[in-house]
Amino acid sequence: MRRMPFESEVADDGGWLFTQADEPGGAETRPSYCWRRCHAAAPYAGAWYDYRR
């Protein structure tokens, strides 16, 4: 995921662009569910910041 300008096509997703690729550097696809199912509930503007080590 990466933050985009709010004027972009991802403004409805809090300005975040969620993509996935089958391999590093591979073609990216954009699943439509990431924001609605999970990140919309995150406390920090779409990010969780609770990564555990």
N, C-alpha and C. Protein backbone atom coordinates (compact mmCIF):
# COMPACT_ATOMS: atom_id res chain seq x y z
N MET A 1 0.84 -1.17 0.00
CA MET A 1 0.00 0.00 0.00
C MET A 1 0.89 1.23 0.00
N ARG A 2 0.41 2.26 -0.63
CA ARG A 2 1.14 3.52 -0.65
C ARG A 2 0.15 4.67 -0.69
N ARG A 3 0.57 5.78 -0.12
CA ARG A 3 -0.29 6.97 -0.02
C ARG A 3 -0.23 7.74 -1.33
N MET A 4 -1.38 8.17 -1.80
CA MET A 4 -1.51 8.91 -3.05
C MET A 4 -2.15 10.27 -2.77
N PRO A 5 -2.03 11.22 -3.70
CA PRO A 5 -2.71 12.51 -3.53
C PRO A 5 -4.22 12.31 -3.46
N PHE A 6 -4.89 13.11 -2.65
CA PHE A 6 -6.33 12.96 -2.49
C PHE A 6 -7.11 13.26 -3.76
N GLU A 7 -6.50 13.93 -4.71
CA GLU A 7 -7.19 14.22 -5.96
C GLU A 7 -7.17 13.00 -6.90
N SER A 8 -6.48 11.94 -6.52
CA SER A 8 -6.35 10.77 -7.38
C SER A 8 -7.60 9.91 -7.33
N GLU A 9 -7.57 8.82 -8.09
CA GLU A 9 -8.72 7.91 -8.17
C GLU A 9 -8.93 7.12 -6.89
N VAL A 10 -8.03 7.22 -5.92
CA VAL A 10 -8.18 6.48 -4.67
C VAL A 10 -8.62 7.36 -3.50
N ALA A 11 -9.14 8.52 -3.78
CA ALA A 11 -9.59 9.42 -2.72
C ALA A 11 -10.65 8.76 -1.83
N ASP A 12 -11.49 7.92 -2.41
CA ASP A 12 -12.51 7.23 -1.63
C ASP A 12 -11.92 6.17 -0.70
N ASP A 13 -10.68 5.78 -0.94
CA ASP A 13 -9.99 4.79 -0.10
C ASP A 13 -9.04 5.49 0.87
N GLY A 14 -9.38 6.69 1.29
CA GLY A 14 -8.56 7.42 2.24
C GLY A 14 -7.24 7.89 1.67
N GLY A 15 -7.11 7.86 0.35
CA GLY A 15 -5.87 8.27 -0.29
C GLY A 15 -4.84 7.15 -0.41
N TRP A 16 -5.21 5.93 -0.01
CA TRP A 16 -4.29 4.80 -0.08
C TRP A 16 -4.53 3.99 -1.35
N LEU A 17 -3.45 3.56 -1.96
CA LEU A 17 -3.52 2.66 -3.10
C LEU A 17 -3.05 1.30 -2.64
N PHE A 18 -3.92 0.32 -2.67
CA PHE A 18 -3.60 -1.05 -2.26
C PHE A 18 -3.41 -1.89 -3.51
N THR A 19 -2.25 -2.50 -3.64
CA THR A 19 -1.98 -3.37 -4.78
C THR A 19 -1.31 -4.65 -4.29
N GLN A 20 -1.31 -5.65 -5.16
CA GLN A 20 -0.59 -6.87 -4.89
C GLN A 20 0.03 -7.37 -6.18
N ALA A 21 1.09 -8.15 -6.06
CA ALA A 21 1.78 -8.72 -7.21
C ALA A 21 2.15 -10.15 -6.87
N ASP A 22 2.19 -11.01 -7.87
CA ASP A 22 2.54 -12.41 -7.66
C ASP A 22 4.03 -12.58 -7.36
N GLU A 23 4.84 -11.64 -7.79
CA GLU A 23 6.29 -11.69 -7.54
C GLU A 23 6.83 -10.28 -7.44
N PRO A 24 7.96 -10.08 -6.77
CA PRO A 24 8.54 -8.73 -6.68
C PRO A 24 8.79 -8.14 -8.07
N GLY A 25 8.33 -6.93 -8.27
CA GLY A 25 8.49 -6.27 -9.56
C GLY A 25 7.49 -6.72 -10.61
N GLY A 26 6.60 -7.63 -10.25
CA GLY A 26 5.60 -8.14 -11.18
C GLY A 26 4.46 -7.16 -11.37
N ALA A 27 3.58 -7.51 -12.27
CA ALA A 27 2.41 -6.67 -12.55
C ALA A 27 1.54 -6.58 -11.30
N GLU A 28 1.10 -5.37 -11.00
CA GLU A 28 0.27 -5.13 -9.82
C GLU A 28 -1.21 -5.20 -10.18
N THR A 29 -1.98 -5.75 -9.28
CA THR A 29 -3.44 -5.71 -9.40
C THR A 29 -3.96 -4.97 -8.17
N ARG A 30 -5.11 -4.38 -8.32
CA ARG A 30 -5.69 -3.57 -7.24
C ARG A 30 -6.98 -4.21 -6.74
N PRO A 31 -6.91 -4.93 -5.60
CA PRO A 31 -8.14 -5.49 -5.05
C PRO A 31 -9.03 -4.37 -4.51
N SER A 32 -10.31 -4.48 -4.71
CA SER A 32 -11.23 -3.41 -4.32
C SER A 32 -11.68 -3.51 -2.87
N TYR A 33 -11.33 -4.57 -2.18
CA TYR A 33 -11.86 -4.80 -0.85
C TYR A 33 -10.98 -4.34 0.31
N CYS A 34 -9.70 -4.02 0.07
CA CYS A 34 -8.77 -3.72 1.17
C CYS A 34 -9.26 -2.58 2.06
N TRP A 35 -9.69 -1.50 1.47
CA TRP A 35 -10.14 -0.36 2.27
C TRP A 35 -11.42 -0.67 3.01
N ARG A 36 -12.43 -1.15 2.31
CA ARG A 36 -13.74 -1.39 2.92
C ARG A 36 -13.70 -2.44 4.02
N ARG A 37 -12.98 -3.53 3.81
CA ARG A 37 -13.00 -4.64 4.76
C ARG A 37 -12.09 -4.45 5.96
N CYS A 38 -11.07 -3.62 5.82
CA CYS A 38 -10.10 -3.58 6.90
C CYS A 38 -9.61 -2.16 7.23
N HIS A 39 -8.99 -1.50 6.29
CA HIS A 39 -8.28 -0.27 6.58
C HIS A 39 -9.17 0.92 6.94
N ALA A 40 -10.43 0.90 6.54
CA ALA A 40 -11.34 2.00 6.91
C ALA A 40 -11.51 2.10 8.42
N ALA A 41 -11.32 0.99 9.14
CA ALA A 41 -11.46 0.96 10.59
C ALA A 41 -10.16 1.29 11.33
N ALA A 42 -9.07 1.43 10.62
CA ALA A 42 -7.77 1.67 11.26
C ALA A 42 -7.72 3.05 11.91
N PRO A 43 -7.07 3.16 13.05
CA PRO A 43 -7.08 4.41 13.81
C PRO A 43 -6.21 5.53 13.24
N TYR A 44 -5.27 5.23 12.38
CA TYR A 44 -4.34 6.24 11.87
C TYR A 44 -4.54 6.48 10.38
N ALA A 45 -5.67 7.04 10.00
CA ALA A 45 -5.97 7.39 8.61
C ALA A 45 -5.73 6.23 7.66
N GLY A 46 -6.18 5.05 8.03
CA GLY A 46 -6.08 3.88 7.17
C GLY A 46 -4.91 2.97 7.48
N ALA A 47 -4.09 3.31 8.46
CA ALA A 47 -2.94 2.48 8.84
C ALA A 47 -3.09 2.02 10.30
N TRP A 48 -2.57 0.86 10.59
CA TRP A 48 -2.70 0.30 11.93
C TRP A 48 -1.51 0.59 12.82
N TYR A 49 -0.31 0.57 12.33
CA TYR A 49 0.91 0.81 13.11
C TYR A 49 1.05 -0.12 14.31
N ASP A 50 0.67 -1.37 14.13
CA ASP A 50 0.82 -2.33 15.22
C ASP A 50 1.64 -3.54 14.79
N TYR A 51 2.63 -3.31 13.98
CA TYR A 51 3.47 -4.40 13.48
C TYR A 51 4.26 -4.99 14.63
N ARG A 52 4.19 -6.27 14.74
CA ARG A 52 4.92 -6.97 15.81
C ARG A 52 6.20 -7.55 15.25
N ARG A 53 7.21 -7.56 16.06
CA ARG A 53 8.50 -8.14 15.64
C ARG A 53 8.75 -9.45 16.29
